[in-house]
Amino acid sequence: MTTTVTTYTAEHLGPFESLLEKDFMGFHGKYFLGERLGLTGCEVSLNRLPAGKGMPFVHSHKKNEELYIVLRGSGTFFVDGEEFPIGEGSLIRVAPEGERAWRATDTEDLYFICIQAQAGSLCQATLEDGVRLPTKASWMMD
C-alpha cells in the first residue's frame, strides 16, 4: 500500500524475503523505489539475490555512483577486475566508471540496498542542510 501526500510518500513492502517473488523489468529480487516514491535526487533499489546466484553481467554507469549496503548474507563483489568478500555491514561505493558485479555465497541469500546518485551532485551534507524545528512527535511529549 502506498500513501502519497504533499510532503511525503510512504510504502510498506513487507519482509525482504518477499522481494524474490517480485518481477520488475525482468529482474527477480530487485525492487526499484525511485518512481514508486517520487524520488528526485537518487534511485534506490531493494535487492535479494538467491544463494549461489550472481549478477549475470558486469556493468558501469555514465553519471551515477552507487552505494551498496549489505543487510544480510554474504558473497563476493567484483570491481575493476578485483574480487573481495562482502557480508552484513559491508558498504561499497563504486564510481560511475567502475566495472561491477556481485555474487551470493552458495549457502545464503544476499540482501542489500543500492543507492544511485549523480557523482559530484551532493551540495551539502545533513549537518549543513538539516534544520531543528520546535515541532514535537508523540514520543517527544513531556
N, C-alpha and C. Protein backbone atom coordinates (compact mmCIF):
# COMPACT_ATOMS: atom_id res chain seq x y z
N MET A 1 0.84 -1.18 0.00
CA MET A 1 0.00 0.00 0.00
C MET A 1 0.89 1.24 0.00
N THR A 2 0.59 2.18 -0.85
CA THR A 2 1.36 3.40 -0.96
C THR A 2 0.49 4.58 -0.54
N THR A 3 1.07 5.46 0.30
CA THR A 3 0.40 6.68 0.73
C THR A 3 1.20 7.85 0.20
N THR A 4 0.54 8.75 -0.53
CA THR A 4 1.21 9.94 -1.05
C THR A 4 0.43 11.17 -0.64
N VAL A 5 1.14 12.11 0.00
CA VAL A 5 0.57 13.41 0.34
C VAL A 5 1.55 14.46 -0.17
N THR A 6 1.32 15.71 0.15
CA THR A 6 2.14 16.79 -0.39
C THR A 6 3.63 16.64 -0.11
N THR A 7 4.00 16.30 1.14
CA THR A 7 5.41 16.32 1.51
C THR A 7 6.06 14.95 1.69
N TYR A 8 5.32 13.86 1.49
CA TYR A 8 5.95 12.54 1.61
C TYR A 8 5.18 11.47 0.86
N THR A 9 5.88 10.39 0.59
CA THR A 9 5.28 9.16 0.07
C THR A 9 5.77 8.03 0.96
N ALA A 10 4.88 7.16 1.38
CA ALA A 10 5.24 6.02 2.23
C ALA A 10 4.68 4.75 1.61
N GLU A 11 5.48 3.71 1.64
CA GLU A 11 5.04 2.41 1.12
C GLU A 11 5.54 1.33 2.06
N HIS A 12 4.72 0.33 2.32
CA HIS A 12 5.12 -0.81 3.14
C HIS A 12 5.16 -2.04 2.23
N LEU A 13 6.35 -2.60 2.06
CA LEU A 13 6.53 -3.75 1.17
C LEU A 13 6.45 -5.08 1.88
N GLY A 14 6.59 -5.08 3.18
CA GLY A 14 6.63 -6.34 3.91
C GLY A 14 8.06 -6.85 4.00
N PRO A 15 8.23 -8.10 4.39
CA PRO A 15 9.57 -8.66 4.60
C PRO A 15 10.41 -8.70 3.32
N PHE A 16 11.72 -8.52 3.49
CA PHE A 16 12.63 -8.60 2.36
C PHE A 16 12.55 -9.94 1.65
N GLU A 17 12.21 -11.00 2.38
CA GLU A 17 12.10 -12.33 1.78
C GLU A 17 11.13 -12.35 0.61
N SER A 18 10.11 -11.49 0.65
CA SER A 18 9.12 -11.46 -0.42
C SER A 18 9.65 -10.81 -1.69
N LEU A 19 10.81 -10.15 -1.63
CA LEU A 19 11.36 -9.50 -2.82
C LEU A 19 11.69 -10.48 -3.93
N LEU A 20 12.04 -11.71 -3.57
CA LEU A 20 12.38 -12.69 -4.60
C LEU A 20 11.19 -12.97 -5.50
N GLU A 21 9.99 -12.76 -4.99
CA GLU A 21 8.79 -13.03 -5.76
C GLU A 21 8.42 -11.90 -6.69
N LYS A 22 8.96 -10.72 -6.48
CA LYS A 22 8.63 -9.56 -7.32
C LYS A 22 9.39 -9.65 -8.63
N ASP A 23 8.77 -9.18 -9.69
CA ASP A 23 9.40 -9.16 -11.00
C ASP A 23 9.30 -7.75 -11.55
N PHE A 24 10.44 -7.08 -11.66
CA PHE A 24 10.45 -5.72 -12.15
C PHE A 24 11.35 -5.68 -13.37
N MET A 25 10.77 -5.43 -14.53
CA MET A 25 11.52 -5.34 -15.78
C MET A 25 12.41 -6.57 -16.00
N GLY A 26 11.90 -7.74 -15.63
CA GLY A 26 12.65 -8.97 -15.83
C GLY A 26 13.61 -9.30 -14.71
N PHE A 27 13.71 -8.45 -13.70
CA PHE A 27 14.60 -8.71 -12.57
C PHE A 27 13.79 -9.30 -11.43
N HIS A 28 14.12 -10.51 -11.02
CA HIS A 28 13.52 -11.08 -9.83
C HIS A 28 14.39 -10.68 -8.65
N GLY A 29 13.78 -10.32 -7.53
CA GLY A 29 14.53 -9.96 -6.34
C GLY A 29 15.10 -8.56 -6.38
N LYS A 30 14.62 -7.71 -7.27
CA LYS A 30 15.07 -6.32 -7.36
C LYS A 30 13.82 -5.45 -7.39
N TYR A 31 13.79 -4.47 -6.51
CA TYR A 31 12.62 -3.61 -6.41
C TYR A 31 13.09 -2.15 -6.41
N PHE A 32 12.81 -1.43 -7.49
CA PHE A 32 13.22 -0.04 -7.63
C PHE A 32 12.21 0.87 -6.95
N LEU A 33 12.71 1.86 -6.20
CA LEU A 33 11.84 2.74 -5.43
C LEU A 33 11.66 4.13 -6.03
N GLY A 34 12.54 4.57 -6.90
CA GLY A 34 12.54 5.94 -7.41
C GLY A 34 11.20 6.42 -7.91
N GLU A 35 10.65 5.72 -8.87
CA GLU A 35 9.37 6.14 -9.45
C GLU A 35 8.22 5.93 -8.47
N ARG A 36 8.24 4.80 -7.75
CA ARG A 36 7.16 4.48 -6.82
C ARG A 36 7.04 5.52 -5.71
N LEU A 37 8.19 6.05 -5.25
CA LEU A 37 8.17 7.01 -4.15
C LEU A 37 8.34 8.45 -4.60
N GLY A 38 8.55 8.67 -5.89
CA GLY A 38 8.73 10.02 -6.39
C GLY A 38 10.07 10.63 -6.01
N LEU A 39 11.11 9.80 -5.93
CA LEU A 39 12.44 10.30 -5.57
C LEU A 39 12.94 11.25 -6.66
N THR A 40 13.59 12.34 -6.25
CA THR A 40 14.06 13.33 -7.22
C THR A 40 15.57 13.52 -7.22
N GLY A 41 16.29 12.92 -6.27
CA GLY A 41 17.73 13.12 -6.21
C GLY A 41 18.55 11.85 -6.26
N CYS A 42 17.87 10.70 -6.24
CA CYS A 42 18.60 9.43 -6.28
C CYS A 42 17.64 8.32 -6.72
N GLU A 43 18.21 7.18 -7.05
CA GLU A 43 17.43 5.96 -7.29
C GLU A 43 17.85 4.97 -6.22
N VAL A 44 16.90 4.23 -5.70
CA VAL A 44 17.18 3.23 -4.67
C VAL A 44 16.54 1.92 -5.10
N SER A 45 17.28 0.83 -4.92
CA SER A 45 16.67 -0.48 -5.16
C SER A 45 16.91 -1.37 -3.96
N LEU A 46 15.90 -2.17 -3.63
CA LEU A 46 16.00 -3.20 -2.61
C LEU A 46 16.26 -4.50 -3.35
N ASN A 47 17.21 -5.29 -2.85
CA ASN A 47 17.68 -6.45 -3.62
C ASN A 47 17.80 -7.69 -2.76
N ARG A 48 17.39 -8.81 -3.34
CA ARG A 48 17.58 -10.13 -2.74
C ARG A 48 18.11 -11.05 -3.83
N LEU A 49 19.34 -11.48 -3.66
CA LEU A 49 19.98 -12.38 -4.62
C LEU A 49 20.03 -13.77 -4.01
N PRO A 50 19.41 -14.78 -4.66
CA PRO A 50 19.38 -16.12 -4.09
C PRO A 50 20.77 -16.73 -3.93
N ALA A 51 20.91 -17.59 -2.95
CA ALA A 51 22.17 -18.29 -2.70
C ALA A 51 22.69 -18.93 -3.99
N GLY A 52 23.98 -18.76 -4.23
CA GLY A 52 24.62 -19.36 -5.40
C GLY A 52 24.43 -18.61 -6.70
N LYS A 53 23.64 -17.57 -6.70
CA LYS A 53 23.40 -16.79 -7.92
C LYS A 53 24.28 -15.55 -7.94
N GLY A 54 24.53 -15.06 -9.15
CA GLY A 54 25.34 -13.87 -9.30
C GLY A 54 24.75 -12.96 -10.36
N MET A 55 25.17 -11.74 -10.35
CA MET A 55 24.80 -10.78 -11.40
C MET A 55 25.25 -11.40 -12.72
N PRO A 56 24.38 -11.46 -13.72
CA PRO A 56 24.75 -12.16 -14.97
C PRO A 56 25.62 -11.34 -15.92
N PHE A 57 25.96 -10.10 -15.54
CA PHE A 57 26.81 -9.27 -16.39
C PHE A 57 27.54 -8.25 -15.53
N VAL A 58 28.65 -7.76 -16.03
CA VAL A 58 29.39 -6.66 -15.41
C VAL A 58 28.84 -5.38 -16.02
N HIS A 59 28.68 -4.33 -15.19
CA HIS A 59 28.16 -3.08 -15.73
C HIS A 59 28.86 -1.88 -15.10
N SER A 60 28.70 -0.73 -15.71
CA SER A 60 29.16 0.55 -15.19
C SER A 60 28.04 1.55 -15.44
N HIS A 61 28.27 2.79 -15.07
CA HIS A 61 27.27 3.84 -15.30
C HIS A 61 27.91 5.01 -16.02
N LYS A 62 27.08 5.83 -16.63
CA LYS A 62 27.56 7.03 -17.32
C LYS A 62 27.77 8.17 -16.33
N LYS A 63 26.81 8.38 -15.40
CA LYS A 63 26.86 9.51 -14.48
C LYS A 63 26.74 9.13 -13.01
N ASN A 64 26.10 8.02 -12.71
CA ASN A 64 25.75 7.70 -11.33
C ASN A 64 26.78 6.86 -10.60
N GLU A 65 27.14 7.31 -9.38
CA GLU A 65 27.89 6.44 -8.49
C GLU A 65 26.86 5.60 -7.75
N GLU A 66 27.30 4.48 -7.20
CA GLU A 66 26.40 3.60 -6.46
C GLU A 66 26.97 3.31 -5.09
N LEU A 67 26.08 3.21 -4.11
CA LEU A 67 26.43 2.77 -2.77
C LEU A 67 25.64 1.50 -2.50
N TYR A 68 26.37 0.42 -2.20
CA TYR A 68 25.76 -0.86 -1.86
C TYR A 68 25.86 -1.02 -0.34
N ILE A 69 24.74 -1.35 0.30
CA ILE A 69 24.68 -1.56 1.74
C ILE A 69 24.18 -2.99 1.96
N VAL A 70 25.06 -3.86 2.43
CA VAL A 70 24.69 -5.26 2.64
C VAL A 70 24.01 -5.40 4.00
N LEU A 71 22.77 -5.90 3.98
CA LEU A 71 21.98 -6.04 5.19
C LEU A 71 22.07 -7.43 5.79
N ARG A 72 22.19 -8.44 4.93
CA ARG A 72 22.21 -9.83 5.41
C ARG A 72 22.81 -10.70 4.33
N GLY A 73 23.41 -11.80 4.75
CA GLY A 73 24.00 -12.74 3.81
C GLY A 73 25.46 -12.40 3.55
N SER A 74 26.03 -13.11 2.59
CA SER A 74 27.43 -12.87 2.24
C SER A 74 27.64 -13.24 0.78
N GLY A 75 28.76 -12.79 0.25
CA GLY A 75 29.04 -13.06 -1.15
C GLY A 75 30.38 -12.49 -1.57
N THR A 76 30.50 -12.27 -2.86
CA THR A 76 31.71 -11.73 -3.45
C THR A 76 31.34 -10.54 -4.31
N PHE A 77 32.11 -9.46 -4.19
CA PHE A 77 31.89 -8.26 -5.00
C PHE A 77 33.06 -8.13 -5.96
N PHE A 78 32.77 -7.77 -7.21
CA PHE A 78 33.76 -7.59 -8.26
C PHE A 78 33.77 -6.12 -8.66
N VAL A 79 34.94 -5.48 -8.61
CA VAL A 79 35.08 -4.10 -9.10
C VAL A 79 36.41 -4.01 -9.85
N ASP A 80 36.36 -3.61 -11.11
CA ASP A 80 37.56 -3.36 -11.92
C ASP A 80 38.57 -4.51 -11.85
N GLY A 81 38.07 -5.73 -11.96
CA GLY A 81 38.95 -6.89 -12.00
C GLY A 81 39.34 -7.45 -10.64
N GLU A 82 38.99 -6.77 -9.57
CA GLU A 82 39.29 -7.25 -8.22
C GLU A 82 38.04 -7.84 -7.60
N GLU A 83 38.22 -8.91 -6.83
CA GLU A 83 37.11 -9.54 -6.11
C GLU A 83 37.43 -9.54 -4.63
N PHE A 84 36.40 -9.29 -3.80
CA PHE A 84 36.59 -9.30 -2.35
C PHE A 84 35.30 -9.77 -1.69
N PRO A 85 35.43 -10.36 -0.49
CA PRO A 85 34.24 -10.86 0.21
C PRO A 85 33.41 -9.72 0.79
N ILE A 86 32.10 -9.91 0.81
CA ILE A 86 31.18 -8.96 1.42
C ILE A 86 30.23 -9.72 2.34
N GLY A 87 29.68 -9.02 3.32
CA GLY A 87 28.74 -9.62 4.24
C GLY A 87 27.98 -8.52 4.97
N GLU A 88 27.13 -8.93 5.89
CA GLU A 88 26.32 -7.99 6.64
C GLU A 88 27.19 -6.85 7.17
N GLY A 89 26.78 -5.62 6.88
CA GLY A 89 27.53 -4.46 7.31
C GLY A 89 28.52 -3.93 6.29
N SER A 90 28.71 -4.64 5.17
CA SER A 90 29.62 -4.15 4.13
C SER A 90 29.00 -2.95 3.42
N LEU A 91 29.83 -1.94 3.16
CA LEU A 91 29.44 -0.74 2.43
C LEU A 91 30.41 -0.58 1.28
N ILE A 92 29.90 -0.51 0.06
CA ILE A 92 30.75 -0.41 -1.11
C ILE A 92 30.27 0.75 -1.97
N ARG A 93 31.14 1.75 -2.19
CA ARG A 93 30.85 2.86 -3.10
C ARG A 93 31.62 2.61 -4.38
N VAL A 94 30.93 2.70 -5.51
CA VAL A 94 31.57 2.48 -6.80
C VAL A 94 31.33 3.72 -7.67
N ALA A 95 32.43 4.28 -8.20
CA ALA A 95 32.35 5.43 -9.10
C ALA A 95 31.62 5.02 -10.38
N PRO A 96 31.06 5.97 -11.11
CA PRO A 96 30.30 5.63 -12.31
C PRO A 96 31.05 4.69 -13.26
N GLU A 97 32.32 4.98 -13.50
CA GLU A 97 33.08 4.19 -14.47
C GLU A 97 33.55 2.84 -13.93
N GLY A 98 33.38 2.60 -12.64
CA GLY A 98 33.79 1.32 -12.06
C GLY A 98 33.00 0.17 -12.65
N GLU A 99 33.70 -0.87 -13.05
CA GLU A 99 33.05 -2.07 -13.62
C GLU A 99 32.71 -3.01 -12.47
N ARG A 100 31.42 -3.32 -12.30
CA ARG A 100 30.97 -4.01 -11.10
C ARG A 100 30.03 -5.18 -11.38
N ALA A 101 30.06 -6.13 -10.44
CA ALA A 101 29.14 -7.28 -10.41
C ALA A 101 29.26 -7.89 -9.01
N TRP A 102 28.35 -8.80 -8.65
CA TRP A 102 28.38 -9.42 -7.33
C TRP A 102 27.73 -10.79 -7.39
N ARG A 103 28.01 -11.58 -6.35
CA ARG A 103 27.50 -12.95 -6.28
C ARG A 103 27.22 -13.28 -4.82
N ALA A 104 26.14 -14.05 -4.59
CA ALA A 104 25.83 -14.55 -3.25
C ALA A 104 26.57 -15.87 -3.03
N THR A 105 26.93 -16.15 -1.78
CA THR A 105 27.56 -17.43 -1.49
C THR A 105 26.57 -18.55 -1.80
N ASP A 106 27.08 -19.77 -1.83
CA ASP A 106 26.23 -20.93 -2.13
C ASP A 106 25.28 -21.27 -1.00
N THR A 107 25.52 -20.72 0.20
CA THR A 107 24.75 -21.15 1.37
C THR A 107 23.68 -20.19 1.85
N GLU A 108 23.70 -18.92 1.40
CA GLU A 108 22.68 -17.99 1.89
C GLU A 108 22.38 -16.89 0.88
N ASP A 109 21.14 -16.41 0.92
CA ASP A 109 20.74 -15.30 0.07
C ASP A 109 21.48 -14.04 0.50
N LEU A 110 21.66 -13.13 -0.45
CA LEU A 110 22.32 -11.85 -0.19
C LEU A 110 21.27 -10.74 -0.29
N TYR A 111 21.10 -9.99 0.79
CA TYR A 111 20.14 -8.89 0.85
C TYR A 111 20.92 -7.58 0.90
N PHE A 112 20.60 -6.65 0.00
CA PHE A 112 21.30 -5.38 0.00
C PHE A 112 20.43 -4.27 -0.57
N ILE A 113 20.82 -3.04 -0.24
CA ILE A 113 20.21 -1.85 -0.79
C ILE A 113 21.24 -1.21 -1.70
N CYS A 114 20.80 -0.72 -2.84
CA CYS A 114 21.69 0.01 -3.75
C CYS A 114 21.11 1.41 -3.94
N ILE A 115 21.94 2.42 -3.67
CA ILE A 115 21.54 3.82 -3.84
C ILE A 115 22.39 4.42 -4.96
N GLN A 116 21.72 4.97 -5.97
CA GLN A 116 22.41 5.63 -7.09
C GLN A 116 22.14 7.13 -7.02
N ALA A 117 23.20 7.90 -7.23
CA ALA A 117 23.07 9.35 -7.33
C ALA A 117 24.14 9.85 -8.28
N GLN A 118 23.87 10.95 -8.93
CA GLN A 118 24.86 11.51 -9.86
C GLN A 118 26.12 11.87 -9.09
N ALA A 119 27.25 11.38 -9.54
CA ALA A 119 28.53 11.65 -8.89
C ALA A 119 28.78 13.15 -8.84
N GLY A 120 29.22 13.63 -7.70
CA GLY A 120 29.56 15.04 -7.54
C GLY A 120 28.37 15.96 -7.35
N SER A 121 27.15 15.43 -7.20
CA SER A 121 25.97 16.29 -7.13
C SER A 121 25.60 16.72 -5.72
N LEU A 122 26.18 16.12 -4.68
CA LEU A 122 25.83 16.48 -3.31
C LEU A 122 26.40 17.86 -3.00
N CYS A 123 25.52 18.82 -2.72
CA CYS A 123 25.99 20.19 -2.47
C CYS A 123 26.13 20.49 -0.99
N GLN A 124 25.50 19.71 -0.13
CA GLN A 124 25.67 19.89 1.31
C GLN A 124 25.24 18.61 2.02
N ALA A 125 25.90 18.31 3.09
CA ALA A 125 25.59 17.11 3.87
C ALA A 125 24.53 17.42 4.91
N THR A 126 24.08 16.40 5.61
CA THR A 126 22.99 16.53 6.57
C THR A 126 23.22 17.62 7.60
N LEU A 127 24.42 17.72 8.16
CA LEU A 127 24.66 18.71 9.21
C LEU A 127 24.48 20.13 8.70
N GLU A 128 24.81 20.38 7.45
CA GLU A 128 24.65 21.72 6.89
C GLU A 128 23.23 21.96 6.40
N ASP A 129 22.51 20.92 6.05
CA ASP A 129 21.19 21.06 5.45
C ASP A 129 20.04 20.93 6.46
N GLY A 130 20.25 20.19 7.52
CA GLY A 130 19.18 19.93 8.49
C GLY A 130 18.84 21.16 9.32
N VAL A 131 17.56 21.30 9.65
CA VAL A 131 17.08 22.42 10.46
C VAL A 131 16.26 21.84 11.61
N ARG A 132 16.66 22.10 12.85
CA ARG A 132 15.92 21.61 14.02
C ARG A 132 14.69 22.50 14.21
N LEU A 133 13.53 21.87 14.37
CA LEU A 133 12.26 22.59 14.49
C LEU A 133 11.65 22.42 15.87
N PRO A 134 10.76 23.32 16.28
CA PRO A 134 10.11 23.20 17.58
C PRO A 134 8.98 22.15 17.60
N THR A 135 8.58 21.66 16.45
CA THR A 135 7.52 20.65 16.36
C THR A 135 7.92 19.41 17.15
N LYS A 136 6.94 18.74 17.76
CA LYS A 136 7.21 17.53 18.56
C LYS A 136 6.38 16.36 18.03
N ALA A 137 7.03 15.20 17.98
CA ALA A 137 6.33 13.94 17.68
C ALA A 137 5.75 13.41 18.98
N SER A 138 4.84 12.43 18.88
CA SER A 138 4.15 11.92 20.07
C SER A 138 5.10 11.42 21.14
N TRP A 139 6.22 10.82 20.77
CA TRP A 139 7.15 10.27 21.78
C TRP A 139 8.04 11.35 22.40
N MET A 140 7.95 12.58 21.94
CA MET A 140 8.76 13.68 22.49
C MET A 140 8.01 14.52 23.50
N MET A 141 6.76 14.21 23.70
CA MET A 141 5.93 15.00 24.63
C MET A 141 6.37 14.74 26.06
N ASP A 142 6.34 15.79 26.88
CA ASP A 142 6.72 15.68 28.29
C ASP A 142 5.61 15.10 29.12
